[in-house]
Amino acid sequence: MKKRKLNEDNEEGGGDEWLLTYGDLMTQLVCFFVLIVAFSSLNIE
């Protein structure tokens, strides 16, 4: 019986897990800056 490899997903073109993490980080940064702008007060005189 042939043994299966532990990292079989990397053989099939995987390995872009960092892209999901990067996308999550960018989404959180955009949300943070949107909240900063939304809660800031503008003094227009």
Protein backbone atom coordinates (compact mmCIF):
# COMPACT_ATOMS: atom_id res chain seq x y z
CA MET A 1 0.00 0.00 0.00
CA LYS A 2 1.33 3.43 -0.93
CA LYS A 3 1.74 6.03 1.82
CA ARG A 4 0.03 9.38 1.32
CA LYS A 5 2.02 12.57 1.66
CA LEU A 6 1.06 14.97 4.43
CA ASN A 7 1.26 18.08 2.24
CA GLU A 8 -0.67 16.76 -0.72
CA ASP A 9 -2.38 20.12 -1.32
CA ASN A 10 0.94 21.81 -2.14
CA GLU A 11 1.45 19.32 -4.97
CA GLU A 12 -1.76 20.42 -6.68
CA GLY A 13 -0.87 24.09 -7.09
CA GLY A 14 -1.71 25.21 -3.56
CA GLY A 15 0.59 27.37 -1.52
CA ASP A 16 -1.25 30.66 -1.83
CA GLU A 17 -2.52 30.63 1.75
CA TRP A 18 -0.68 33.90 2.37
CA LEU A 19 -2.98 35.59 -0.13
CA LEU A 20 -6.02 34.91 2.03
CA THR A 21 -4.23 36.30 5.09
CA TYR A 22 -3.09 39.36 3.14
CA GLY A 23 -6.62 40.00 1.89
CA ASP A 24 -7.99 39.76 5.43
CA LEU A 25 -5.36 42.20 6.67
CA MET A 26 -6.12 44.73 3.94
CA THR A 27 -9.86 44.46 4.64
CA GLN A 28 -9.29 45.13 8.33
CA LEU A 29 -7.08 48.12 7.58
CA VAL A 30 -9.68 49.64 5.25
CA CYS A 31 -12.39 49.12 7.88
CA PHE A 32 -10.18 50.74 10.51
CA PHE A 33 -9.55 53.86 8.42
CA VAL A 34 -13.22 54.10 7.44
CA LEU A 35 -14.12 54.08 11.14
CA ILE A 36 -11.49 56.73 11.89
CA VAL A 37 -12.92 59.00 9.19
CA ALA A 38 -16.51 58.30 10.24
CA PHE A 39 -15.89 59.22 13.88
CA SER A 40 -13.74 62.26 13.17
CA SER A 41 -15.38 65.63 13.49
CA LEU A 42 -15.03 68.20 10.76
CA ASN A 43 -14.93 71.85 11.76
CA ILE A 44 -16.21 73.72 8.72
CA GLU A 45 -16.61 77.41 9.46
